[in-house]
C-alpha atoms as a PDB file:
ATOM      1  CA  MET A   1       8.971  26.376  -5.749  1.00  0.00           C
ATOM      2  CA  LEU A   2       6.494  24.577  -7.996  1.00  0.00           C
ATOM      3  CA  ARG A   3       7.796  21.859 -10.286  1.00  0.00           C
ATOM      4  CA  SER A   4       6.035  20.041 -13.132  1.00  0.00           C
ATOM      5  CA  VAL A   5       6.454  16.352 -12.332  1.00  0.00           C
ATOM      6  CA  ILE A   6       5.722  13.414 -14.634  1.00  0.00           C
ATOM      7  CA  ALA A   7       3.149  11.335 -12.791  1.00  0.00           C
ATOM      8  CA  GLY A   8       2.562   8.768 -15.548  1.00  0.00           C
ATOM      9  CA  CYS A   9       3.455   7.876 -19.132  1.00  0.00           C
ATOM     10  CA  GLY A  10       1.405   6.080 -21.766  1.00  0.00           C
ATOM     11  CA  GLY A  11       1.643   5.028 -25.383  1.00  0.00           C
ATOM     12  CA  TYR A  12      -0.388   3.530 -28.192  1.00  0.00           C
ATOM     13  CA  LEU A  13       0.641   1.844 -31.439  1.00  0.00           C
ATOM     14  CA  PRO A  14      -1.874   0.794 -34.101  1.00  0.00           C
ATOM     15  CA  GLU A  15      -2.351  -2.950 -34.421  1.00  0.00           C
ATOM     16  CA  ARG A  16      -1.152  -3.150 -38.017  1.00  0.00           C
ATOM     17  CA  CYS A  17       2.621  -3.619 -38.134  1.00  0.00           C
ATOM     18  CA  VAL A  18       4.376  -3.372 -41.506  1.00  0.00           C
ATOM     19  CA  PRO A  19       7.953  -4.697 -41.709  1.00  0.00           C
ATOM     20  CA  ASN A  20      10.325  -3.341 -44.334  1.00  0.00           C
ATOM     21  CA  ALA A  21      10.004  -6.417 -46.495  1.00  0.00           C
ATOM     22  CA  ALA A  22       6.268  -5.849 -46.831  1.00  0.00           C
ATOM     23  CA  LEU A  23       6.599  -2.311 -48.192  1.00  0.00           C
ATOM     24  CA  ALA A  24       7.558  -3.461 -51.673  1.00  0.00           C
ATOM     25  CA  ALA A  25       4.800  -6.081 -51.817  1.00  0.00           C
ATOM     26  CA  GLU A  26       1.978  -3.989 -50.315  1.00  0.00           C
ATOM     27  CA  PHE A  27       2.823  -0.517 -51.593  1.00  0.00           C
ATOM     28  CA  GLY A  28       4.895  -1.261 -54.696  1.00  0.00           C
ATOM     29  CA  ILE A  29       7.936   0.613 -53.375  1.00  0.00           C
ATOM     30  CA  GLU A  30      11.295  -0.122 -54.990  1.00  0.00           C
ATOM     31  CA  THR A  31      13.258  -0.753 -51.814  1.00  0.00           C
ATOM     32  CA  SER A  32      14.578  -3.544 -49.616  1.00  0.00           C
ATOM     33  CA  ASP A  33      14.902  -4.400 -45.961  1.00  0.00           C
ATOM     34  CA  GLU A  34      18.690  -4.062 -46.169  1.00  0.00           C
ATOM     35  CA  TRP A  35      18.533  -0.641 -47.872  1.00  0.00           C
ATOM     36  CA  ILE A  36      16.234   0.801 -45.193  1.00  0.00           C
ATOM     37  CA  ILE A  37      18.086  -0.678 -42.215  1.00  0.00           C
ATOM     38  CA  GLU A  38      21.482   0.461 -43.470  1.00  0.00           C
ATOM     39  CA  ARG A  39      20.380   4.077 -43.912  1.00  0.00           C
ATOM     40  CA  THR A  40      17.925   4.512 -41.052  1.00  0.00           C
ATOM     41  CA  GLY A  41      17.944   1.595 -38.607  1.00  0.00           C
ATOM     42  CA  ILE A  42      14.197   1.131 -39.190  1.00  0.00           C
ATOM     43  CA  ARG A  43      12.895  -2.443 -39.409  1.00  0.00           C
ATOM     44  CA  GLN A  44       9.139  -1.906 -39.140  1.00  0.00           C
ATOM     45  CA  ARG A  45       6.439   0.662 -38.520  1.00  0.00           C
ATOM     46  CA  HIS A  46       2.791   0.714 -37.378  1.00  0.00           C
ATOM     47  CA  ILE A  47       0.034   2.070 -39.619  1.00  0.00           C
ATOM     48  CA  ALA A  48      -3.298   3.329 -38.354  1.00  0.00           C
ATOM     49  CA  ALA A  49      -6.499   1.527 -39.288  1.00  0.00           C
ATOM     50  CA  PRO A  50      -8.981   3.418 -41.501  1.00  0.00           C
ATOM     51  CA  GLY A  51     -11.131   4.388 -38.525  1.00  0.00           C
ATOM     52  CA  GLU A  52      -8.239   5.581 -36.354  1.00  0.00           C
ATOM     53  CA  THR A  53      -7.414   9.273 -36.070  1.00  0.00           C
ATOM     54  CA  ALA A  54      -4.879  11.400 -34.237  1.00  0.00           C
ATOM     55  CA  SER A  55      -7.496  12.057 -31.567  1.00  0.00           C
ATOM     56  CA  SER A  56      -8.562   8.441 -31.092  1.00  0.00           C
ATOM     57  CA  ILE A  57      -5.038   7.076 -30.743  1.00  0.00           C
ATOM     58  CA  GLY A  58      -3.999  10.102 -28.674  1.00  0.00           C
ATOM     59  CA  ALA A  59      -6.865   9.394 -26.296  1.00  0.00           C
ATOM     60  CA  ALA A  60      -5.730   5.759 -25.998  1.00  0.00           C
ATOM     61  CA  ALA A  61      -2.221   6.867 -25.006  1.00  0.00           C
ATOM     62  CA  ALA A  62      -3.690   9.380 -22.556  1.00  0.00           C
ATOM     63  CA  ARG A  63      -5.827   6.724 -20.876  1.00  0.00           C
ATOM     64  CA  GLN A  64      -2.770   4.553 -20.255  1.00  0.00           C
ATOM     65  CA  ALA A  65      -0.831   7.536 -18.869  1.00  0.00           C
ATOM     66  CA  LEU A  66      -3.681   8.412 -16.511  1.00  0.00           C
ATOM     67  CA  GLU A  67      -4.003   4.792 -15.365  1.00  0.00           C
ATOM     68  CA  ARG A  68      -0.284   4.532 -14.662  1.00  0.00           C
ATOM     69  CA  ALA A  69      -0.409   7.845 -12.802  1.00  0.00           C
ATOM     70  CA  GLY A  70      -3.413   6.768 -10.733  1.00  0.00           C
ATOM     71  CA  ILE A  71      -5.208   9.955 -11.730  1.00  0.00           C
ATOM     72  CA  GLU A  72      -8.832  10.307 -12.821  1.00  0.00           C
ATOM     73  CA  ALA A  73      -9.593  12.065 -16.093  1.00  0.00           C
ATOM     74  CA  GLY A  74     -11.725  14.552 -14.159  1.00  0.00           C
ATOM     75  CA  GLN A  75      -8.605  15.866 -12.410  1.00  0.00           C
ATOM     76  CA  VAL A  76      -7.077  17.071 -15.690  1.00  0.00           C
ATOM     77  CA  ASP A  77      -7.497  20.772 -16.329  1.00  0.00           C
ATOM     78  CA  ALA A  78      -5.242  21.241 -19.383  1.00  0.00           C
ATOM     79  CA  ILE A  79      -4.682  19.142 -22.510  1.00  0.00           C
ATOM     80  CA  ILE A  80      -1.906  20.137 -24.895  1.00  0.00           C
ATOM     81  CA  VAL A  81      -1.503  18.105 -28.070  1.00  0.00           C
ATOM     82  CA  ALA A  82       1.458  18.173 -30.419  1.00  0.00           C
ATOM     83  CA  THR A  83       0.535  16.926 -33.886  1.00  0.00           C
ATOM     84  CA  ALA A  84       1.298  17.548 -37.543  1.00  0.00           C
ATOM     85  CA  THR A  85      -1.629  15.338 -38.606  1.00  0.00           C
ATOM     86  CA  PRO A  86      -4.691  16.803 -36.848  1.00  0.00           C
ATOM     87  CA  ASP A  87      -8.172  15.396 -37.288  1.00  0.00           C
ATOM     88  CA  SER A  88      -9.216  18.693 -38.884  1.00  0.00           C
ATOM     89  CA  ALA A  89      -8.004  22.255 -39.357  1.00  0.00           C
ATOM     90  CA  PHE A  90     -10.265  23.089 -36.424  1.00  0.00           C
ATOM     91  CA  PRO A  91     -11.448  22.370 -33.849  1.00  0.00           C
ATOM     92  CA  ALA A  92      -8.171  21.310 -32.284  1.00  0.00           C
ATOM     93  CA  THR A  93      -7.351  17.642 -31.949  1.00  0.00           C
ATOM     94  CA  ALA A  94      -6.916  18.382 -28.242  1.00  0.00           C
ATOM     95  CA  VAL A  95     -10.608  19.161 -27.773  1.00  0.00           C
ATOM     96  CA  ARG A  96     -11.487  15.947 -29.606  1.00  0.00           C
ATOM     97  CA  ILE A  97      -9.319  14.071 -27.114  1.00  0.00           C
ATOM     98  CA  GLN A  98     -10.972  16.011 -24.292  1.00  0.00           C
ATOM     99  CA  GLN A  99     -14.311  14.696 -25.589  1.00  0.00           C
ATOM    100  CA  HIS A 100     -12.995  11.109 -25.917  1.00  0.00           C
ATOM    101  CA  LEU A 101     -11.887  11.219 -22.278  1.00  0.00           C
ATOM    102  CA  GLY A 102     -15.149  12.694 -21.021  1.00  0.00           C
ATOM    103  CA  ILE A 103     -13.447  15.809 -19.653  1.00  0.00           C
ATOM    104  CA  THR A 104     -15.671  18.878 -19.562  1.00  0.00           C
ATOM    105  CA  GLN A 105     -13.587  21.347 -17.555  1.00  0.00           C
ATOM    106  CA  GLY A 106     -10.315  23.154 -18.206  1.00  0.00           C
ATOM    107  CA  PHE A 107      -8.919  23.940 -21.648  1.00  0.00           C
ATOM    108  CA  ALA A 108      -7.328  22.153 -24.592  1.00  0.00           C
ATOM    109  CA  PHE A 109      -5.301  23.249 -27.609  1.00  0.00           C
ATOM    110  CA  ASP A 110      -2.830  22.015 -30.237  1.00  0.00           C
ATOM    111  CA  ILE A 111       0.791  22.902 -30.956  1.00  0.00           C
ATOM    112  CA  ALA A 112       2.275  22.641 -34.457  1.00  0.00           C
ATOM    113  CA  ALA A 113       6.053  22.222 -34.280  1.00  0.00           C
ATOM    114  CA  ALA A 114       6.378  18.982 -36.289  1.00  0.00           C
ATOM    115  CA  CYS A 115       8.803  16.480 -34.754  1.00  0.00           C
ATOM    116  CA  THR A 116       9.795  18.923 -31.997  1.00  0.00           C
ATOM    117  CA  GLY A 117       6.163  19.391 -31.019  1.00  0.00           C
ATOM    118  CA  PHE A 118       6.217  17.294 -27.861  1.00  0.00           C
ATOM    119  CA  VAL A 119       9.173  19.226 -26.436  1.00  0.00           C
ATOM    120  CA  TYR A 120       7.412  22.497 -27.265  1.00  0.00           C
ATOM    121  CA  ALA A 121       4.244  21.195 -25.600  1.00  0.00           C
ATOM    122  CA  LEU A 122       6.170  20.252 -22.451  1.00  0.00           C
ATOM    123  CA  GLY A 123       7.597  23.762 -22.288  1.00  0.00           C
ATOM    124  CA  VAL A 124       4.155  25.346 -22.548  1.00  0.00           C
ATOM    125  CA  ALA A 125       2.617  22.941 -20.020  1.00  0.00           C
ATOM    126  CA  ASP A 126       5.464  23.562 -17.582  1.00  0.00           C
ATOM    127  CA  ALA A 127       4.865  27.314 -17.765  1.00  0.00           C
ATOM    128  CA  LEU A 128       1.120  26.882 -17.207  1.00  0.00           C
ATOM    129  CA  LEU A 129       1.637  24.676 -14.164  1.00  0.00           C
ATOM    130  CA  LYS A 130       4.297  26.912 -12.627  1.00  0.00           C
ATOM    131  CA  THR A 131       2.071  29.985 -12.968  1.00  0.00           C
ATOM    132  CA  GLY A 132      -0.912  28.207 -11.450  1.00  0.00           C
ATOM    133  CA  GLN A 133      -3.107  28.268 -14.563  1.00  0.00           C
ATOM    134  CA  ALA A 134      -3.360  24.478 -14.334  1.00  0.00           C
ATOM    135  CA  ARG A 135      -2.615  21.848 -11.713  1.00  0.00           C
ATOM    136  CA  CYS A 136      -2.727  18.703 -13.826  1.00  0.00           C
ATOM    137  CA  ALA A 137      -1.964  18.583 -17.535  1.00  0.00           C
ATOM    138  CA  LEU A 138      -2.038  15.929 -20.212  1.00  0.00           C
ATOM    139  CA  VAL A 139       0.726  16.452 -22.777  1.00  0.00           C
ATOM    140  CA  ILE A 140       0.242  14.294 -25.853  1.00  0.00           C
ATOM    141  CA  GLY A 141       2.086  13.673 -29.107  1.00  0.00           C
ATOM    142  CA  THR A 142      -0.045  11.878 -31.684  1.00  0.00           C
ATOM    143  CA  GLU A 143       0.434  11.265 -35.402  1.00  0.00           C
ATOM    144  CA  VAL A 144      -1.083   9.414 -38.341  1.00  0.00           C
ATOM    145  CA  PHE A 145       1.726  10.216 -40.777  1.00  0.00           C
ATOM    146  CA  SER A 146       0.723   7.403 -43.109  1.00  0.00           C
ATOM    147  CA  ARG A 147      -2.072   9.721 -44.328  1.00  0.00           C
ATOM    148  CA  ILE A 148       0.325  12.398 -45.635  1.00  0.00           C
ATOM    149  CA  LEU A 149       3.069  10.245 -47.172  1.00  0.00           C
ATOM    150  CA  ASP A 150       3.859  10.038 -50.861  1.00  0.00           C
ATOM    151  CA  TRP A 151       4.015   6.270 -51.220  1.00  0.00           C
ATOM    152  CA  THR A 152       5.912   6.633 -54.508  1.00  0.00           C
ATOM    153  CA  ASP A 153       8.815   8.433 -52.790  1.00  0.00           C
ATOM    154  CA  ARG A 154      10.969   5.779 -51.167  1.00  0.00           C
ATOM    155  CA  GLY A 155      13.229   8.447 -49.689  1.00  0.00           C
ATOM    156  CA  THR A 156      10.500   9.558 -47.279  1.00  0.00           C
ATOM    157  CA  CYS A 157       7.674   7.018 -47.076  1.00  0.00           C
ATOM    158  CA  VAL A 158       9.879   4.313 -45.535  1.00  0.00           C
ATOM    159  CA  LEU A 159      10.839   6.613 -42.662  1.00  0.00           C
ATOM    160  CA  PHE A 160       7.546   7.252 -40.891  1.00  0.00           C
ATOM    161  CA  GLY A 161       4.944   5.448 -38.826  1.00  0.00           C
ATOM    162  CA  ASP A 162       1.834   6.142 -36.763  1.00  0.00           C
ATOM    163  CA  GLY A 163       1.438   6.222 -32.991  1.00  0.00           C
ATOM    164  CA  ALA A 164       0.761   8.299 -29.894  1.00  0.00           C
ATOM    165  CA  GLY A 165       2.413   8.959 -26.561  1.00  0.00           C
ATOM    166  CA  ALA A 166       1.315  10.922 -23.503  1.00  0.00           C
ATOM    167  CA  VAL A 167       2.470  12.086 -20.099  1.00  0.00           C
ATOM    168  CA  VAL A 168       0.526  13.353 -17.103  1.00  0.00           C
ATOM    169  CA  LEU A 169       2.157  16.390 -15.491  1.00  0.00           C
ATOM    170  CA  THR A 170       1.225  17.502 -11.984  1.00  0.00           C
ATOM    171  CA  ALA A 171       2.352  20.620 -10.121  1.00  0.00           C
ATOM    172  CA  GLU A 172       4.243  19.701  -6.958  1.00  0.00           C
ATOM    173  CA  GLN A 173       5.703  21.964  -4.284  1.00  0.00           C
ATOM    174  CA  GLY A 174       9.123  21.533  -2.677  1.00  0.00           C
ATOM    175  CA  THR A 175      10.467  18.675  -4.808  1.00  0.00           C
ATOM    176  CA  ASP A 176      13.741  18.266  -6.678  1.00  0.00           C
ATOM    177  CA  ARG A 177      11.996  16.119  -9.295  1.00  0.00           C
ATOM    178  CA  GLY A 178      10.275  17.278 -12.458  1.00  0.00           C
ATOM    179  CA  ILE A 179      11.120  19.581 -15.348  1.00  0.00           C
ATOM    180  CA  LEU A 180      14.241  21.639 -14.653  1.00  0.00           C
ATOM    181  CA  SER A 181      14.084  23.681 -17.865  1.00  0.00           C
ATOM    182  CA  THR A 182      13.060  23.610 -21.513  1.00  0.00           C
ATOM    183  CA  HIS A 183      14.971  25.232 -24.360  1.00  0.00           C
ATOM    184  CA  LEU A 184      13.108  25.937 -27.600  1.00  0.00           C
ATOM    185  CA  HIS A 185      14.395  27.215 -30.944  1.00  0.00           C
ATOM    186  CA  SER A 186      13.298  27.726 -34.537  1.00  0.00           C
ATOM    187  CA  ASP A 187      14.771  29.113 -37.752  1.00  0.00           C
ATOM    188  CA  GLY A 188      12.294  29.728 -40.553  1.00  0.00           C
ATOM    189  CA  ARG A 189      15.053  30.146 -43.133  1.00  0.00           C
ATOM    190  CA  HIS A 190      15.131  26.351 -43.337  1.00  0.00           C
ATOM    191  CA  GLY A 191      11.373  25.862 -43.487  1.00  0.00           C
ATOM    192  CA  ASP A 192      11.387  24.353 -46.973  1.00  0.00           C
ATOM    193  CA  ILE A 193      13.713  21.414 -46.264  1.00  0.00           C
ATOM    194  CA  LEU A 194      10.978  19.547 -44.364  1.00  0.00           C
ATOM    195  CA  LEU A 195       7.340  20.406 -44.989  1.00  0.00           C
ATOM    196  CA  VAL A 196       3.897  19.277 -46.101  1.00  0.00           C
ATOM    197  CA  ASP A 197       3.190  20.934 -49.449  1.00  0.00           C
ATOM    198  CA  GLY A 198      -0.441  21.858 -48.906  1.00  0.00           C
ATOM    199  CA  GLY A 199      -3.104  23.250 -46.632  1.00  0.00           C
ATOM    200  CA  ALA A 200      -6.486  24.901 -46.738  1.00  0.00           C
ATOM    201  CA  GLY A 201      -4.920  28.345 -46.596  1.00  0.00           C
ATOM    202  CA  SER A 202      -2.472  27.804 -49.458  1.00  0.00           C
ATOM    203  CA  THR A 203      -3.293  25.140 -52.034  1.00  0.00           C
ATOM    204  CA  GLY A 204      -6.870  24.623 -50.911  1.00  0.00           C
ATOM    205  CA  GLY A 205      -6.313  20.958 -50.157  1.00  0.00           C
ATOM    206  CA  PRO A 206      -4.184  18.543 -48.148  1.00  0.00           C
ATOM    207  CA  GLY A 207      -0.598  18.002 -49.212  1.00  0.00           C
ATOM    208  CA  LEU A 208       2.114  15.401 -48.865  1.00  0.00           C
ATOM    209  CA  LEU A 209       5.316  15.335 -46.873  1.00  0.00           C
ATOM    210  CA  ARG A 210       8.469  16.514 -48.648  1.00  0.00           C
ATOM    211  CA  MET A 211      11.964  16.336 -47.196  1.00  0.00           C
ATOM    212  CA  ALA A 212      15.506  17.161 -48.229  1.00  0.00           C
ATOM    213  CA  GLY A 213      16.969  14.362 -46.160  1.00  0.00           C
ATOM    214  CA  LYS A 214      20.651  15.272 -46.405  1.00  0.00           C
ATOM    215  CA  GLU A 215      19.947  18.857 -45.383  1.00  0.00           C
ATOM    216  CA  VAL A 216      17.874  17.785 -42.387  1.00  0.00           C
ATOM    217  CA  PHE A 217      20.577  15.331 -41.314  1.00  0.00           C
ATOM    218  CA  ARG A 218      23.222  18.054 -41.628  1.00  0.00           C
ATOM    219  CA  HIS A 219      21.380  20.315 -39.198  1.00  0.00           C
ATOM    220  CA  ALA A 220      20.249  17.582 -36.807  1.00  0.00           C
ATOM    221  CA  VAL A 221      23.371  16.509 -34.939  1.00  0.00           C
ATOM    222  CA  SER A 222      24.884  19.986 -34.501  1.00  0.00           C
ATOM    223  CA  LYS A 223      21.653  21.651 -33.375  1.00  0.00           C
ATOM    224  CA  LEU A 224      20.676  18.808 -31.049  1.00  0.00           C
ATOM    225  CA  ALA A 225      24.126  18.691 -29.445  1.00  0.00           C
ATOM    226  CA  SER A 226      24.054  22.454 -28.959  1.00  0.00           C
ATOM    227  CA  VAL A 227      20.609  22.564 -27.329  1.00  0.00           C
ATOM    228  CA  VAL A 228      21.411  19.670 -24.960  1.00  0.00           C
ATOM    229  CA  ASP A 229      24.581  21.466 -23.838  1.00  0.00           C
ATOM    230  CA  GLU A 230      22.492  24.634 -23.414  1.00  0.00           C
ATOM    231  CA  ALA A 231      20.049  22.797 -21.134  1.00  0.00           C
ATOM    232  CA  LEU A 232      22.806  21.279 -18.996  1.00  0.00           C
ATOM    233  CA  ALA A 233      24.697  24.567 -18.672  1.00  0.00           C
ATOM    234  CA  ALA A 234      21.525  26.403 -17.634  1.00  0.00           C
ATOM    235  CA  ASN A 235      21.273  24.057 -14.649  1.00  0.00           C
ATOM    236  CA  GLY A 236      24.962  23.878 -13.737  1.00  0.00           C
ATOM    237  CA  LEU A 237      25.218  20.271 -14.939  1.00  0.00           C
ATOM    238  CA  ASN A 238      27.387  18.390 -17.407  1.00  0.00           C
ATOM    239  CA  HIS A 239      27.347  15.226 -19.513  1.00  0.00           C
ATOM    240  CA  ALA A 240      28.458  13.059 -16.588  1.00  0.00           C
ATOM    241  CA  ASP A 241      25.306  13.976 -14.653  1.00  0.00           C
ATOM    242  CA  LEU A 242      22.964  12.571 -17.313  1.00  0.00           C
ATOM    243  CA  ARG A 243      21.390   9.157 -16.758  1.00  0.00           C
ATOM    244  CA  TRP A 244      19.198   8.911 -19.875  1.00  0.00           C
ATOM    245  CA  LEU A 245      18.874  10.358 -23.358  1.00  0.00           C
ATOM    246  CA  VAL A 246      15.335  10.120 -24.772  1.00  0.00           C
ATOM    247  CA  PRO A 247      15.736  11.459 -28.314  1.00  0.00           C
ATOM    248  CA  HIS A 248      13.368  12.039 -31.176  1.00  0.00           C
ATOM    249  CA  GLN A 249      13.350   8.776 -33.104  1.00  0.00           C
ATOM    250  CA  ALA A 250      14.162   9.846 -36.673  1.00  0.00           C
ATOM    251  CA  ASN A 251      17.306   7.996 -37.643  1.00  0.00           C
ATOM    252  CA  LEU A 252      19.506   5.534 -35.768  1.00  0.00           C
ATOM    253  CA  ARG A 253      22.703   7.198 -36.963  1.00  0.00           C
ATOM    254  CA  ILE A 254      21.632  10.550 -35.499  1.00  0.00           C
ATOM    255  CA  ILE A 255      20.645   8.908 -32.208  1.00  0.00           C
ATOM    256  CA  GLU A 256      23.965   7.034 -31.935  1.00  0.00           C
ATOM    257  CA  ALA A 257      25.915  10.193 -32.745  1.00  0.00           C
ATOM    258  CA  MET A 258      24.128  12.055 -29.953  1.00  0.00           C
ATOM    259  CA  GLY A 259      24.820   9.242 -27.478  1.00  0.00           C
ATOM    260  CA  LYS A 260      28.522   9.388 -28.284  1.00  0.00           C
ATOM    261  CA  LYS A 261      28.633  13.177 -27.933  1.00  0.00           C
ATOM    262  CA  LEU A 262      27.094  12.843 -24.463  1.00  0.00           C
ATOM    263  CA  ASN A 263      29.372   9.912 -23.497  1.00  0.00           C
ATOM    264  CA  LEU A 264      26.369   7.803 -22.609  1.00  0.00           C
ATOM    265  CA  PRO A 265      26.514   3.995 -22.812  1.00  0.00           C
ATOM    266  CA  ARG A 266      24.193   2.519 -25.421  1.00  0.00           C
ATOM    267  CA  GLU A 267      21.850   1.078 -22.806  1.00  0.00           C
ATOM    268  CA  ARG A 268      21.165   4.629 -21.537  1.00  0.00           C
ATOM    269  CA  VAL A 269      20.127   5.912 -24.959  1.00  0.00           C
ATOM    270  CA  VAL A 270      16.498   5.002 -25.628  1.00  0.00           C
ATOM    271  CA  VAL A 271      16.011   3.564 -29.122  1.00  0.00           C
ATOM    272  CA  THR A 272      12.621   2.668 -30.577  1.00  0.00           C
ATOM    273  CA  VAL A 273      13.114   3.857 -34.161  1.00  0.00           C
ATOM    274  CA  ASP A 274      13.834   0.280 -35.264  1.00  0.00           C
ATOM    275  CA  ARG A 275      10.298  -0.781 -34.275  1.00  0.00           C
ATOM    276  CA  HIS A 276       8.268   2.433 -34.466  1.00  0.00           C
ATOM    277  CA  ALA A 277      10.011   4.332 -37.294  1.00  0.00           C
ATOM    278  CA  ASN A 278       9.663   8.121 -37.096  1.00  0.00           C
ATOM    279  CA  THR A 279       6.350   8.955 -35.429  1.00  0.00           C
ATOM    280  CA  SER A 280       7.118  12.703 -35.392  1.00  0.00           C
ATOM    281  CA  ALA A 281       5.643  14.429 -32.316  1.00  0.00           C
ATOM    282  CA  ALA A 282       4.715  11.035 -30.841  1.00  0.00           C
ATOM    283  CA  SER A 283       8.202   9.543 -30.925  1.00  0.00           C
ATOM    284  CA  ILE A 284       9.608  10.982 -27.683  1.00  0.00           C
ATOM    285  CA  PRO A 285       6.600  10.220 -25.447  1.00  0.00           C
ATOM    286  CA  LEU A 286       6.284   6.753 -27.013  1.00  0.00           C
ATOM    287  CA  ALA A 287       9.944   6.042 -26.246  1.00  0.00           C
ATOM    288  CA  LEU A 288       9.562   7.407 -22.712  1.00  0.00           C
ATOM    289  CA  ALA A 289       6.434   5.326 -22.111  1.00  0.00           C
ATOM    290  CA  GLU A 290       8.246   2.187 -23.213  1.00  0.00           C
ATOM    291  CA  VAL A 291      11.236   2.476 -20.877  1.00  0.00           C
ATOM    292  CA  ALA A 292       9.092   3.760 -17.999  1.00  0.00           C
ATOM    293  CA  GLY A 293       6.616   0.926 -18.523  1.00  0.00           C
ATOM    294  CA  ARG A 294       9.440  -1.607 -18.313  1.00  0.00           C
ATOM    295  CA  GLY A 295      10.582  -0.135 -14.999  1.00  0.00           C
ATOM    296  CA  LEU A 296      14.001   0.842 -16.318  1.00  0.00           C
ATOM    297  CA  ILE A 297      13.880   4.450 -15.126  1.00  0.00           C
ATOM    298  CA  GLU A 298      14.429   5.071 -11.427  1.00  0.00           C
ATOM    299  CA  ARG A 299      12.904   7.903  -9.444  1.00  0.00           C
ATOM    300  CA  GLY A 300      15.201  10.923  -9.640  1.00  0.00           C
ATOM    301  CA  ASP A 301      17.041   9.858 -12.794  1.00  0.00           C
ATOM    302  CA  LEU A 302      18.234  12.880 -14.775  1.00  0.00           C
ATOM    303  CA  MET A 303      17.249  12.729 -18.426  1.00  0.00           C
ATOM    304  CA  VAL A 304      17.156  14.930 -21.467  1.00  0.00           C
ATOM    305  CA  LEU A 305      14.442  14.800 -24.122  1.00  0.00           C
ATOM    306  CA  GLU A 306      15.454  16.380 -27.435  1.00  0.00           C
ATOM    307  CA  GLY A 307      14.113  16.698 -30.954  1.00  0.00           C
ATOM    308  CA  ILE A 308      14.360  18.503 -34.260  1.00  0.00           C
ATOM    309  CA  GLY A 309      11.684  18.906 -36.922  1.00  0.00           C
ATOM    310  CA  GLY A 310      10.149  20.956 -39.680  1.00  0.00           C
ATOM    311  CA  GLY A 311      10.392  24.696 -39.291  1.00  0.00           C
ATOM    312  CA  LEU A 312      13.189  24.140 -38.600  1.00  0.00           C
ATOM    313  CA  THR A 313      12.325  23.703 -34.946  1.00  0.00           C
ATOM    314  CA  TRP A 314      14.446  22.098 -32.276  1.00  0.00           C
ATOM    315  CA  GLY A 315      14.557  21.923 -28.519  1.00  0.00           C
ATOM    316  CA  ALA A 316      15.404  20.042 -25.331  1.00  0.00           C
ATOM    317  CA  CYS A 317      13.759  19.384 -21.986  1.00  0.00           C
ATOM    318  CA  LEU A 318      15.879  18.511 -18.960  1.00  0.00           C
ATOM    319  CA  LEU A 319      14.066  16.732 -16.126  1.00  0.00           C
ATOM    320  CA  ARG A 320      14.365  14.465 -13.122  1.00  0.00           C
ATOM    321  CA  PHE A 321      11.962  11.572 -13.369  1.00  0.00           C
END
């Protein structure tokens, strides 16, 4: 049986770091450090430089993942990029990253599932590797959300940051490691509670992010808890078997609620939202790259990656590292 195994993880954060206290001074936002921390757990975020794009920072994360995996870029035959902030409507950000990395073989494409995008991308990559259409895949989440924020709306602009994360997946035979299953969902009835209000095919121009925060929060915990239980049940496992929770980094209260539901100690719930803010499709791979880079995850550890985002979309990936 073929399994899709994570061979390496990488991440990239723009150099410019903006703490909460600087938001009022630099952007004229009526807010405070205390207000943001109390409601979200966020203390700072990174913002891309003018010359940085989703493809350039995604390529940086990919390079680190490849280096940590000990794999040459020429061995990659599939690149799947999850992003809500692409370089352009087309070509895909994935082919731009392919160019940055000097890869000329294989195929590359984008997935648009907002904050759940990385989980969706893992599911697609897993299917491609298991069916033999690829042997080595780069799965990347990359975002420059600072470009689509309404900096006059303190209810949303304080929540997001820029960054990129990547994993290298390789197809391996006869191993108990790797992706056990992915579980993907969407419900378009709730599409208007988290969206970008523009696009070339609708308004004729780029839009800005809009969110009904209370509505999103209301759906988040119940849907995330349900899809994690779905993933465990599909593999004959339960909460006690889990070693790590690597959640989408949207809000500290949601993350803590999920940890409690799974009976995981706090040190087994990966939290980066305080330093990265919500980096949408990049948040899960960035969080994974951080704990993997620090050597905290042991070979064979069972973990669940889960997220929810605009669409609404939500999903989980259960894997052994």
